[in-house]
């Protein structure tokens, strides 16, 4: 059973930056794709960005140009660099690893962007 552990969340002012980490207990390349999701209070969980095993990346429209997803294979870790943060980025951020037929989730890390 693979485990994913997120870290790096916190409280930051508008315009600030944070880098989230998603550390896998197994070879990160064993997952076909790693997603970052976020869920704000009262809202559905939404995909923020993903990176495939072949290094294809994509982002939700509202974070394009501000967020960057990357992977360090040696550390079995996927990162989400977040810049120019806005209050609407406030949410719990989750990483999700897909290894068909299973999805693996981390416990989430809170990101709060103050005015």
C-alpha atoms as a PDB file:
ATOM      1  CA  UNK A   1       0.000   0.000   0.000  1.00  0.00           C
ATOM      2  CA  UNK A   2       1.609   3.231  -1.146  1.00  0.00           C
ATOM      3  CA  UNK A   3       1.522   6.330   1.005  1.00  0.00           C
ATOM      4  CA  UNK A   4       1.659   9.974  -0.022  1.00  0.00           C
ATOM      5  CA  UNK A   5       2.498  12.679   2.489  1.00  0.00           C
ATOM      6  CA  UNK A   6       2.005  16.372   1.783  1.00  0.00           C
ATOM      7  CA  UNK A   7       3.890  19.141   3.530  1.00  0.00           C
ATOM      8  CA  UNK A   8       4.716  22.800   3.089  1.00  0.00           C
ATOM      9  CA  UNK A   9       1.380  24.441   3.710  1.00  0.00           C
ATOM     10  CA  UNK A  10       0.957  27.447   5.921  1.00  0.00           C
ATOM     11  CA  UNK A  11      -0.209  31.014   6.252  1.00  0.00           C
ATOM     12  CA  UNK A  12       1.076  33.542   3.736  1.00  0.00           C
ATOM     13  CA  UNK A  13       0.125  37.050   2.722  1.00  0.00           C
ATOM     14  CA  UNK A  14      -1.343  37.928  -0.657  1.00  0.00           C
ATOM     15  CA  UNK A  15       1.421  37.950  -3.235  1.00  0.00           C
ATOM     16  CA  UNK A  16       3.549  35.519  -1.280  1.00  0.00           C
ATOM     17  CA  UNK A  17       4.898  32.119  -2.206  1.00  0.00           C
ATOM     18  CA  UNK A  18       4.805  28.584  -0.870  1.00  0.00           C
ATOM     19  CA  UNK A  19       6.147  25.282  -2.101  1.00  0.00           C
ATOM     20  CA  UNK A  20       4.176  22.151  -1.319  1.00  0.00           C
ATOM     21  CA  UNK A  21       5.767  18.716  -1.325  1.00  0.00           C
ATOM     22  CA  UNK A  22       4.183  15.325  -1.910  1.00  0.00           C
ATOM     23  CA  UNK A  23       6.505  12.540  -0.792  1.00  0.00           C
ATOM     24  CA  UNK A  24       5.757   8.993  -1.905  1.00  0.00           C
ATOM     25  CA  UNK A  25       6.646   5.885   0.083  1.00  0.00           C
ATOM     26  CA  UNK A  26       7.488   4.087  -3.150  1.00  0.00           C
ATOM     27  CA  UNK A  27       9.070   4.865  -6.497  1.00  0.00           C
ATOM     28  CA  UNK A  28       7.285   8.002  -7.667  1.00  0.00           C
ATOM     29  CA  UNK A  29       7.480   6.766 -11.245  1.00  0.00           C
ATOM     30  CA  UNK A  30       5.286   3.807 -10.306  1.00  0.00           C
ATOM     31  CA  UNK A  31       2.400   6.272 -10.523  1.00  0.00           C
ATOM     32  CA  UNK A  32       1.223   7.090 -14.018  1.00  0.00           C
ATOM     33  CA  UNK A  33       0.214  10.563 -12.930  1.00  0.00           C
ATOM     34  CA  UNK A  34       0.396  12.703  -9.797  1.00  0.00           C
ATOM     35  CA  UNK A  35      -2.290  15.311  -9.289  1.00  0.00           C
ATOM     36  CA  UNK A  36      -2.494  18.209  -6.898  1.00  0.00           C
ATOM     37  CA  UNK A  37      -6.078  18.910  -5.855  1.00  0.00           C
ATOM     38  CA  UNK A  38      -7.464  21.582  -3.595  1.00  0.00           C
ATOM     39  CA  UNK A  39     -10.663  21.904  -1.651  1.00  0.00           C
ATOM     40  CA  UNK A  40     -11.954  25.144  -0.180  1.00  0.00           C
ATOM     41  CA  UNK A  41     -14.666  25.133   2.493  1.00  0.00           C
ATOM     42  CA  UNK A  42     -18.060  24.365   0.964  1.00  0.00           C
ATOM     43  CA  UNK A  43     -16.583  23.566  -2.424  1.00  0.00           C
ATOM     44  CA  UNK A  44     -15.763  20.444  -4.375  1.00  0.00           C
ATOM     45  CA  UNK A  45     -12.243  19.128  -4.617  1.00  0.00           C
ATOM     46  CA  UNK A  46     -10.694  20.352  -7.846  1.00  0.00           C
ATOM     47  CA  UNK A  47      -7.602  19.499  -9.816  1.00  0.00           C
ATOM     48  CA  UNK A  48      -4.982  22.223  -9.605  1.00  0.00           C
ATOM     49  CA  UNK A  49      -2.212  20.612 -11.630  1.00  0.00           C
ATOM     50  CA  UNK A  50      -0.842  17.271 -12.695  1.00  0.00           C
ATOM     51  CA  UNK A  51       2.364  15.723 -13.942  1.00  0.00           C
ATOM     52  CA  UNK A  52       2.527  12.436 -15.785  1.00  0.00           C
ATOM     53  CA  UNK A  53       5.241   9.825 -15.757  1.00  0.00           C
ATOM     54  CA  UNK A  54       6.294  11.248 -19.131  1.00  0.00           C
ATOM     55  CA  UNK A  55       6.558  14.769 -17.659  1.00  0.00           C
ATOM     56  CA  UNK A  56       3.431  16.114 -19.276  1.00  0.00           C
ATOM     57  CA  UNK A  57       2.022  18.860 -17.077  1.00  0.00           C
ATOM     58  CA  UNK A  58      -1.178  20.845 -17.009  1.00  0.00           C
ATOM     59  CA  UNK A  59      -2.803  23.423 -14.759  1.00  0.00           C
ATOM     60  CA  UNK A  60      -6.180  24.796 -13.909  1.00  0.00           C
ATOM     61  CA  UNK A  61      -6.712  28.097 -15.686  1.00  0.00           C
ATOM     62  CA  UNK A  62      -6.672  30.261 -12.571  1.00  0.00           C
ATOM     63  CA  UNK A  63      -3.189  29.126 -11.521  1.00  0.00           C
ATOM     64  CA  UNK A  64      -1.432  29.064 -14.897  1.00  0.00           C
ATOM     65  CA  UNK A  65       1.651  31.223 -14.817  1.00  0.00           C
ATOM     66  CA  UNK A  66       1.675  31.287 -11.003  1.00  0.00           C
ATOM     67  CA  UNK A  67       2.029  27.606 -10.045  1.00  0.00           C
ATOM     68  CA  UNK A  68       4.596  25.083 -11.237  1.00  0.00           C
ATOM     69  CA  UNK A  69       4.470  21.336 -10.713  1.00  0.00           C
ATOM     70  CA  UNK A  70       7.689  19.360 -10.795  1.00  0.00           C
ATOM     71  CA  UNK A  71       9.134  16.057  -9.720  1.00  0.00           C
ATOM     72  CA  UNK A  72      12.377  14.883  -8.117  1.00  0.00           C
ATOM     73  CA  UNK A  73      12.677  11.205  -8.934  1.00  0.00           C
ATOM     74  CA  UNK A  74      15.610  10.649  -6.585  1.00  0.00           C
ATOM     75  CA  UNK A  75      13.524  11.919  -3.663  1.00  0.00           C
ATOM     76  CA  UNK A  76      10.257  10.311  -4.846  1.00  0.00           C
ATOM     77  CA  UNK A  77       8.670  13.709  -4.388  1.00  0.00           C
ATOM     78  CA  UNK A  78       6.418  15.966  -6.426  1.00  0.00           C
ATOM     79  CA  UNK A  79       6.392  19.684  -5.727  1.00  0.00           C
ATOM     80  CA  UNK A  80       3.914  22.461  -6.299  1.00  0.00           C
ATOM     81  CA  UNK A  81       5.574  25.866  -6.347  1.00  0.00           C
ATOM     82  CA  UNK A  82       3.003  28.574  -5.799  1.00  0.00           C
ATOM     83  CA  UNK A  83       3.738  32.240  -6.433  1.00  0.00           C
ATOM     84  CA  UNK A  84       1.641  35.415  -6.416  1.00  0.00           C
ATOM     85  CA  UNK A  85      -0.778  33.748  -4.064  1.00  0.00           C
ATOM     86  CA  UNK A  86      -4.298  35.133  -3.760  1.00  0.00           C
ATOM     87  CA  UNK A  87      -6.930  34.732  -1.041  1.00  0.00           C
ATOM     88  CA  UNK A  88      -8.904  32.529  -3.436  1.00  0.00           C
ATOM     89  CA  UNK A  89      -6.034  30.038  -3.371  1.00  0.00           C
ATOM     90  CA  UNK A  90      -6.913  29.298   0.255  1.00  0.00           C
ATOM     91  CA  UNK A  91      -7.774  25.610   0.538  1.00  0.00           C
ATOM     92  CA  UNK A  92      -6.604  22.244   1.720  1.00  0.00           C
ATOM     93  CA  UNK A  93      -4.233  20.897  -0.906  1.00  0.00           C
ATOM     94  CA  UNK A  94      -4.053  17.160  -1.559  1.00  0.00           C
ATOM     95  CA  UNK A  95      -1.803  15.079  -3.724  1.00  0.00           C
ATOM     96  CA  UNK A  96      -3.167  12.072  -5.523  1.00  0.00           C
ATOM     97  CA  UNK A  97      -1.201   9.309  -7.176  1.00  0.00           C
ATOM     98  CA  UNK A  98      -2.800   7.089  -9.781  1.00  0.00           C
ATOM     99  CA  UNK A  99      -1.592   3.544 -10.187  1.00  0.00           C
ATOM    100  CA  UNK A 100      -4.335   1.764 -12.041  1.00  0.00           C
ATOM    101  CA  UNK A 101      -6.720   0.578 -10.753  1.00  0.00           C
ATOM    102  CA  UNK A 102      -6.029   2.467  -7.522  1.00  0.00           C
ATOM    103  CA  UNK A 103      -5.845   6.086  -6.460  1.00  0.00           C
ATOM    104  CA  UNK A 104      -3.727   7.039  -3.475  1.00  0.00           C
ATOM    105  CA  UNK A 105      -4.351  10.193  -1.458  1.00  0.00           C
ATOM    106  CA  UNK A 106      -2.350  12.133   1.045  1.00  0.00           C
ATOM    107  CA  UNK A 107      -3.846  13.644   4.170  1.00  0.00           C
ATOM    108  CA  UNK A 108      -3.778  17.205   2.840  1.00  0.00           C
ATOM    109  CA  UNK A 109      -1.994  20.382   3.830  1.00  0.00           C
ATOM    110  CA  UNK A 110      -3.704  23.687   4.596  1.00  0.00           C
ATOM    111  CA  UNK A 111      -2.792  26.787   2.610  1.00  0.00           C
ATOM    112  CA  UNK A 112      -4.210  30.066   3.870  1.00  0.00           C
ATOM    113  CA  UNK A 113      -3.630  33.320   2.000  1.00  0.00           C
ATOM    114  CA  UNK A 114      -4.431  36.437   3.992  1.00  0.00           C
ATOM    115  CA  UNK A 115      -5.334  39.837   2.597  1.00  0.00           C
END
